[in-house]
Amino acid sequence: MLLAYCAVAGALGVSLVFAAFLAGFAEVHKMRLLFVEALDAISKMAFAFFIPVYFTIVDHKLDLIRGLSVWMTVAFLAGVV
């Protein structure tokens, strides 16, 4: 079934990585009750490790000196307040 999802996505020109993600999501969603404990463990691991690591990597690549727009920052802050 997963191969069929990816084959259809490939024929439609959708990125195969995105198609594989959606196919996996659809299959797990069908049998969610069987995987409750495993999905809960994966979710906890993602929030505890992978998400902080991702934001740390993004933070190190962030260049606020050259990449910061003062006008966009002021507009954002004005919209927030």
C-alpha atoms as a PDB file:
ATOM      1  CA  MET A   1       0.000   0.000   0.000  1.00  0.00           C
ATOM      2  CA  LEU A   2       2.842   2.369   0.825  1.00  0.00           C
ATOM      3  CA  LEU A   3       4.427   1.667  -2.553  1.00  0.00           C
ATOM      4  CA  ALA A   4       1.128   2.448  -4.265  1.00  0.00           C
ATOM      5  CA  TYR A   5       0.905   5.822  -2.489  1.00  0.00           C
ATOM      6  CA  CYS A   6       4.443   6.690  -3.556  1.00  0.00           C
ATOM      7  CA  ALA A   7       3.857   5.516  -7.130  1.00  0.00           C
ATOM      8  CA  VAL A   8       0.775   7.724  -7.472  1.00  0.00           C
ATOM      9  CA  ALA A   9       2.634  10.686  -5.986  1.00  0.00           C
ATOM     10  CA  GLY A  10       5.557  10.098  -8.350  1.00  0.00           C
ATOM     11  CA  ALA A  11       3.200   9.997 -11.326  1.00  0.00           C
ATOM     12  CA  LEU A  12       1.624  13.275 -10.191  1.00  0.00           C
ATOM     13  CA  GLY A  13       5.013  14.950  -9.753  1.00  0.00           C
ATOM     14  CA  VAL A  14       4.845  15.242  -5.956  1.00  0.00           C
ATOM     15  CA  SER A  15       8.126  15.023  -4.048  1.00  0.00           C
ATOM     16  CA  LEU A  16       8.686  11.392  -3.104  1.00  0.00           C
ATOM     17  CA  VAL A  17       9.892  12.353   0.369  1.00  0.00           C
ATOM     18  CA  PHE A  18       6.614  14.166   1.008  1.00  0.00           C
ATOM     19  CA  ALA A  19       4.642  11.285  -0.512  1.00  0.00           C
ATOM     20  CA  ALA A  20       6.413   8.751   1.695  1.00  0.00           C
ATOM     21  CA  PHE A  21       5.687  10.888   4.761  1.00  0.00           C
ATOM     22  CA  LEU A  22       1.983  11.113   3.898  1.00  0.00           C
ATOM     23  CA  ALA A  23       1.781   7.397   3.128  1.00  0.00           C
ATOM     24  CA  GLY A  24       3.357   6.510   6.467  1.00  0.00           C
ATOM     25  CA  PHE A  25       1.073   8.938   8.258  1.00  0.00           C
ATOM     26  CA  ALA A  26      -1.999   7.438   6.568  1.00  0.00           C
ATOM     27  CA  GLU A  27      -1.015   3.879   7.455  1.00  0.00           C
ATOM     28  CA  VAL A  28      -0.292   4.683  11.096  1.00  0.00           C
ATOM     29  CA  HIS A  29      -3.492   6.704  11.373  1.00  0.00           C
ATOM     30  CA  LYS A  30      -5.531   3.657  10.270  1.00  0.00           C
ATOM     31  CA  MET A  31      -4.055   1.484  13.014  1.00  0.00           C
ATOM     32  CA  ARG A  32      -3.534   4.178  15.640  1.00  0.00           C
ATOM     33  CA  LEU A  33      -4.899   2.077  18.501  1.00  0.00           C
ATOM     34  CA  LEU A  34      -2.216  -0.557  17.910  1.00  0.00           C
ATOM     35  CA  PHE A  35       0.576   2.010  18.077  1.00  0.00           C
ATOM     36  CA  VAL A  36      -0.566   4.275  20.929  1.00  0.00           C
ATOM     37  CA  GLU A  37       2.340   3.461  23.225  1.00  0.00           C
ATOM     38  CA  ALA A  38       4.956   3.601  20.462  1.00  0.00           C
ATOM     39  CA  LEU A  39       3.651   6.923  19.098  1.00  0.00           C
ATOM     40  CA  ASP A  40       3.590   8.366  22.605  1.00  0.00           C
ATOM     41  CA  ALA A  41       7.219   7.327  23.161  1.00  0.00           C
ATOM     42  CA  ILE A  42       8.277   8.806  19.807  1.00  0.00           C
ATOM     43  CA  SER A  43       6.459  12.037  20.594  1.00  0.00           C
ATOM     44  CA  LYS A  44       8.141  12.344  23.987  1.00  0.00           C
ATOM     45  CA  MET A  45      11.549  11.640  22.462  1.00  0.00           C
ATOM     46  CA  ALA A  46      10.995  14.251  19.738  1.00  0.00           C
ATOM     47  CA  PHE A  47       9.988  16.935  22.201  1.00  0.00           C
ATOM     48  CA  ALA A  48      12.819  16.077  24.575  1.00  0.00           C
ATOM     49  CA  PHE A  49      15.660  15.744  22.061  1.00  0.00           C
ATOM     50  CA  PHE A  50      15.064  16.317  18.357  1.00  0.00           C
ATOM     51  CA  ILE A  51      13.114  19.579  18.514  1.00  0.00           C
ATOM     52  CA  PRO A  52      15.637  21.346  20.805  1.00  0.00           C
ATOM     53  CA  VAL A  53      18.499  20.078  18.633  1.00  0.00           C
ATOM     54  CA  TYR A  54      16.756  21.403  15.502  1.00  0.00           C
ATOM     55  CA  PHE A  55      16.268  24.862  16.995  1.00  0.00           C
ATOM     56  CA  THR A  56      19.859  24.900  18.259  1.00  0.00           C
ATOM     57  CA  ILE A  57      21.141  24.199  14.741  1.00  0.00           C
ATOM     58  CA  VAL A  58      18.856  26.876  13.272  1.00  0.00           C
ATOM     59  CA  ASP A  59      20.025  29.332  15.935  1.00  0.00           C
ATOM     60  CA  HIS A  60      23.685  28.771  15.043  1.00  0.00           C
ATOM     61  CA  LYS A  61      22.969  29.470  11.365  1.00  0.00           C
ATOM     62  CA  LEU A  62      21.002  32.642  12.138  1.00  0.00           C
ATOM     63  CA  ASP A  63      22.804  35.847  11.135  1.00  0.00           C
ATOM     64  CA  LEU A  64      21.082  38.715  12.897  1.00  0.00           C
ATOM     65  CA  ILE A  65      23.692  41.302  11.860  1.00  0.00           C
ATOM     66  CA  ARG A  66      23.196  40.989   8.084  1.00  0.00           C
ATOM     67  CA  GLY A  67      19.832  39.270   7.954  1.00  0.00           C
ATOM     68  CA  LEU A  68      17.755  41.443  10.292  1.00  0.00           C
ATOM     69  CA  SER A  69      15.425  43.993   8.754  1.00  0.00           C
ATOM     70  CA  VAL A  70      14.762  46.842  11.172  1.00  0.00           C
ATOM     71  CA  TRP A  71      11.540  47.859   9.418  1.00  0.00           C
ATOM     72  CA  MET A  72      10.143  44.316   9.445  1.00  0.00           C
ATOM     73  CA  THR A  73      11.013  44.009  13.145  1.00  0.00           C
ATOM     74  CA  VAL A  74       9.249  47.288  13.948  1.00  0.00           C
ATOM     75  CA  ALA A  75       6.205  46.235  11.898  1.00  0.00           C
ATOM     76  CA  PHE A  76       6.099  42.876  13.672  1.00  0.00           C
ATOM     77  CA  LEU A  77       6.377  44.441  17.099  1.00  0.00           C
ATOM     78  CA  ALA A  78       3.694  47.008  16.232  1.00  0.00           C
ATOM     79  CA  GLY A  79       1.405  44.183  15.124  1.00  0.00           C
ATOM     80  CA  VAL A  80       2.011  42.215  18.313  1.00  0.00           C
ATOM     81  CA  VAL A  81       1.306  45.122  20.647  1.00  0.00           C
END
